[in-house]
């Protein structure tokens, strides 16, 4: 893997890690009593946001797997 692809891989890794952290915090909020303190429309939108963020994280995870597979064939670590 060339240097440019390595940089992309690192950016995707950072984005994935940050997103997983945000997903965890949102999940905790959605399971807490605090969710009952906000407007039902806002709560609904937060649930959709959670689902969308999770789908996006899954895409990033697949991209990372592809980069890792490529690195095995090119010797990049």
N, C-alpha and C. Protein backbone atom coordinates (compact mmCIF):
# COMPACT_ATOMS: atom_id res chain seq x y z
N UNK A 1 0.86 -1.17 0.00
CA UNK A 1 0.00 0.00 0.00
C UNK A 1 0.90 1.23 0.00
N UNK A 2 0.59 2.17 -0.87
CA UNK A 2 1.42 3.36 -0.94
C UNK A 2 1.11 4.33 0.20
N UNK A 3 1.93 5.36 0.27
CA UNK A 3 1.81 6.31 1.39
C UNK A 3 0.45 7.00 1.40
N UNK A 4 -0.06 7.36 0.24
CA UNK A 4 -1.36 8.03 0.16
C UNK A 4 -2.47 7.12 0.70
N UNK A 5 -2.46 5.87 0.31
CA UNK A 5 -3.47 4.93 0.81
C UNK A 5 -3.30 4.70 2.31
N UNK A 6 -2.07 4.70 2.76
CA UNK A 6 -1.81 4.55 4.20
C UNK A 6 -2.42 5.72 4.97
N UNK A 7 -2.29 6.93 4.43
CA UNK A 7 -2.86 8.11 5.09
C UNK A 7 -4.39 8.04 5.11
N UNK A 8 -4.97 7.57 4.01
CA UNK A 8 -6.42 7.41 3.96
C UNK A 8 -6.86 6.38 5.00
N UNK A 9 -6.14 5.27 5.06
CA UNK A 9 -6.44 4.23 6.04
C UNK A 9 -6.43 4.81 7.45
N UNK A 10 -5.41 5.59 7.77
CA UNK A 10 -5.31 6.17 9.11
C UNK A 10 -6.46 7.13 9.40
N UNK A 11 -6.84 7.93 8.39
CA UNK A 11 -7.97 8.86 8.59
C UNK A 11 -9.27 8.10 8.81
N UNK A 12 -9.46 7.03 8.04
CA UNK A 12 -10.67 6.22 8.20
C UNK A 12 -10.67 5.56 9.57
N UNK A 13 -9.51 5.09 10.02
CA UNK A 13 -9.40 4.46 11.34
C UNK A 13 -9.77 5.45 12.44
N UNK A 14 -9.26 6.66 12.37
CA UNK A 14 -9.56 7.68 13.38
C UNK A 14 -11.05 8.01 13.35
N UNK A 15 -11.59 8.19 12.15
CA UNK A 15 -13.01 8.50 12.01
C UNK A 15 -13.87 7.38 12.59
N UNK A 16 -13.50 6.13 12.31
CA UNK A 16 -14.22 4.98 12.82
C UNK A 16 -14.18 4.95 14.35
N UNK A 17 -13.00 5.13 14.91
CA UNK A 17 -12.86 5.09 16.37
C UNK A 17 -13.68 6.20 17.05
N UNK A 18 -13.63 7.41 16.49
CA UNK A 18 -14.40 8.52 17.05
C UNK A 18 -15.90 8.27 16.92
N UNK A 19 -16.30 7.73 15.79
CA UNK A 19 -17.71 7.43 15.57
C UNK A 19 -18.21 6.37 16.53
N UNK A 20 -17.42 5.32 16.76
CA UNK A 20 -17.83 4.26 17.69
C UNK A 20 -18.02 4.84 19.09
N UNK A 21 -17.16 5.77 19.47
CA UNK A 21 -17.29 6.40 20.79
C UNK A 21 -18.60 7.19 20.88
N UNK A 22 -18.90 7.96 19.83
CA UNK A 22 -20.14 8.74 19.81
C UNK A 22 -21.36 7.83 19.81
N UNK A 23 -21.28 6.73 19.07
CA UNK A 23 -22.39 5.77 19.05
C UNK A 23 -22.62 5.21 20.45
N UNK A 24 -21.56 4.88 21.14
CA UNK A 24 -21.68 4.36 22.50
C UNK A 24 -22.35 5.34 23.44
N UNK A 25 -21.96 6.60 23.34
CA UNK A 25 -22.56 7.63 24.20
C UNK A 25 -24.03 7.83 23.87
N UNK A 26 -24.34 7.84 22.58
CA UNK A 26 -25.74 8.01 22.17
C UNK A 26 -26.57 6.81 22.63
N UNK A 27 -26.02 5.62 22.49
CA UNK A 27 -26.73 4.41 22.93
C UNK A 27 -27.02 4.47 24.43
N UNK A 28 -26.02 4.89 25.20
CA UNK A 28 -26.22 5.04 26.64
C UNK A 28 -27.34 6.04 26.94
N UNK A 29 -27.34 7.15 26.21
CA UNK A 29 -28.37 8.17 26.42
C UNK A 29 -29.74 7.61 26.08
N UNK A 30 -29.84 6.89 24.96
CA UNK A 30 -31.13 6.35 24.54
C UNK A 30 -31.67 5.33 25.53
N UNK A 31 -30.79 4.67 26.26
CA UNK A 31 -31.22 3.67 27.25
C UNK A 31 -31.48 4.29 28.63
N UNK A 32 -31.11 5.54 28.78
CA UNK A 32 -31.23 6.18 30.09
C UNK A 32 -32.62 6.80 30.29
N UNK A 33 -32.83 7.23 31.49
CA UNK A 33 -34.08 7.92 31.83
C UNK A 33 -34.12 9.32 31.20
N UNK A 34 -32.97 9.86 30.87
CA UNK A 34 -32.90 11.20 30.29
C UNK A 34 -33.66 11.31 28.98
N UNK A 35 -33.78 10.20 28.26
CA UNK A 35 -34.48 10.23 26.98
C UNK A 35 -35.93 10.65 27.16
N UNK A 36 -36.48 10.38 28.33
CA UNK A 36 -37.88 10.72 28.61
C UNK A 36 -38.07 12.22 28.85
N UNK A 37 -36.98 12.93 29.04
CA UNK A 37 -37.06 14.35 29.34
C UNK A 37 -37.06 15.22 28.09
N UNK A 38 -36.91 14.59 26.92
CA UNK A 38 -36.88 15.40 25.70
C UNK A 38 -38.14 15.13 24.87
N UNK A 39 -38.40 16.03 23.99
CA UNK A 39 -39.54 15.95 23.08
C UNK A 39 -39.55 14.61 22.32
N UNK A 40 -40.71 14.05 22.11
CA UNK A 40 -40.80 12.75 21.44
C UNK A 40 -40.25 12.78 20.01
N UNK A 41 -40.43 13.90 19.33
CA UNK A 41 -39.87 14.02 17.98
C UNK A 41 -38.35 13.98 18.03
N UNK A 42 -37.78 14.69 19.00
CA UNK A 42 -36.32 14.69 19.16
C UNK A 42 -35.83 13.28 19.50
N UNK A 43 -36.55 12.59 20.36
CA UNK A 43 -36.16 11.22 20.74
C UNK A 43 -36.21 10.31 19.52
N UNK A 44 -37.25 10.45 18.73
CA UNK A 44 -37.38 9.66 17.50
C UNK A 44 -36.22 9.93 16.56
N UNK A 45 -35.91 11.20 16.39
CA UNK A 45 -34.80 11.57 15.49
C UNK A 45 -33.46 11.06 16.02
N UNK A 46 -33.29 11.06 17.32
CA UNK A 46 -32.05 10.52 17.89
C UNK A 46 -31.94 9.02 17.64
N UNK A 47 -33.05 8.33 17.67
CA UNK A 47 -33.01 6.88 17.37
C UNK A 47 -32.64 6.65 15.91
N UNK A 48 -33.19 7.47 15.01
CA UNK A 48 -32.82 7.37 13.60
C UNK A 48 -31.35 7.71 13.43
N UNK A 49 -30.89 8.74 14.13
CA UNK A 49 -29.48 9.12 14.07
C UNK A 49 -28.60 7.97 14.53
N UNK A 50 -28.98 7.30 15.59
CA UNK A 50 -28.23 6.15 16.10
C UNK A 50 -28.13 5.05 15.03
N UNK A 51 -29.26 4.74 14.41
CA UNK A 51 -29.27 3.71 13.38
C UNK A 51 -28.39 4.11 12.19
N UNK A 52 -28.45 5.36 11.81
CA UNK A 52 -27.67 5.85 10.68
C UNK A 52 -26.18 5.86 11.00
N UNK A 53 -25.85 6.30 12.19
CA UNK A 53 -24.44 6.29 12.61
C UNK A 53 -23.90 4.86 12.66
N UNK A 54 -24.72 3.93 13.12
CA UNK A 54 -24.30 2.53 13.18
C UNK A 54 -24.07 1.98 11.78
N UNK A 55 -24.96 2.32 10.85
CA UNK A 55 -24.79 1.87 9.46
C UNK A 55 -23.50 2.47 8.88
N UNK A 56 -23.24 3.72 9.15
CA UNK A 56 -22.03 4.38 8.66
C UNK A 56 -20.79 3.72 9.26
N UNK A 57 -20.84 3.40 10.54
CA UNK A 57 -19.71 2.72 11.19
C UNK A 57 -19.45 1.36 10.53
N UNK A 58 -20.52 0.67 10.17
CA UNK A 58 -20.36 -0.62 9.49
C UNK A 58 -19.68 -0.46 8.14
N UNK A 59 -20.00 0.61 7.44
CA UNK A 59 -19.34 0.88 6.16
C UNK A 59 -17.87 1.17 6.38
N UNK A 60 -17.55 2.00 7.36
CA UNK A 60 -16.15 2.29 7.66
C UNK A 60 -15.39 1.02 8.05
N UNK A 61 -16.05 0.17 8.81
CA UNK A 61 -15.42 -1.08 9.23
C UNK A 61 -15.09 -1.96 8.01
N UNK A 62 -15.99 -2.00 7.05
CA UNK A 62 -15.74 -2.77 5.82
C UNK A 62 -14.61 -2.16 5.01
N UNK A 63 -14.56 -0.84 4.95
CA UNK A 63 -13.46 -0.18 4.25
C UNK A 63 -12.12 -0.51 4.91
N UNK A 64 -12.10 -0.47 6.23
CA UNK A 64 -10.87 -0.80 6.96
C UNK A 64 -10.44 -2.23 6.68
N UNK A 65 -11.40 -3.13 6.64
CA UNK A 65 -11.08 -4.53 6.35
C UNK A 65 -10.47 -4.67 4.95
N UNK A 66 -10.99 -3.92 4.00
CA UNK A 66 -10.43 -3.96 2.65
C UNK A 66 -9.00 -3.41 2.63
N UNK A 67 -8.77 -2.31 3.34
CA UNK A 67 -7.41 -1.76 3.43
C UNK A 67 -6.47 -2.77 4.08
N UNK A 68 -6.94 -3.42 5.13
CA UNK A 68 -6.10 -4.40 5.82
C UNK A 68 -5.79 -5.60 4.92
N UNK A 69 -6.78 -6.02 4.16
CA UNK A 69 -6.56 -7.14 3.24
C UNK A 69 -5.53 -6.72 2.17
N UNK A 70 -5.66 -5.52 1.68
CA UNK A 70 -4.72 -5.02 0.69
C UNK A 70 -3.31 -4.95 1.27
N UNK A 71 -3.23 -4.55 2.53
CA UNK A 71 -1.90 -4.43 3.16
C UNK A 71 -1.22 -5.78 3.28
N UNK A 72 -2.00 -6.84 3.43
CA UNK A 72 -1.40 -8.18 3.51
C UNK A 72 -0.76 -8.57 2.18
N UNK A 73 -1.36 -8.14 1.10
CA UNK A 73 -0.84 -8.51 -0.21
C UNK A 73 0.30 -7.61 -0.66
N UNK A 74 0.38 -6.40 -0.08
CA UNK A 74 1.43 -5.48 -0.49
C UNK A 74 2.54 -5.32 0.55
N UNK A 75 2.34 -5.90 1.73
CA UNK A 75 3.36 -5.83 2.76
C UNK A 75 3.28 -4.63 3.66
N UNK A 76 2.25 -3.78 3.49
CA UNK A 76 2.07 -2.63 4.37
C UNK A 76 1.57 -3.10 5.72
N UNK A 77 2.10 -2.55 6.81
CA UNK A 77 1.65 -2.90 8.18
C UNK A 77 0.99 -1.72 8.82
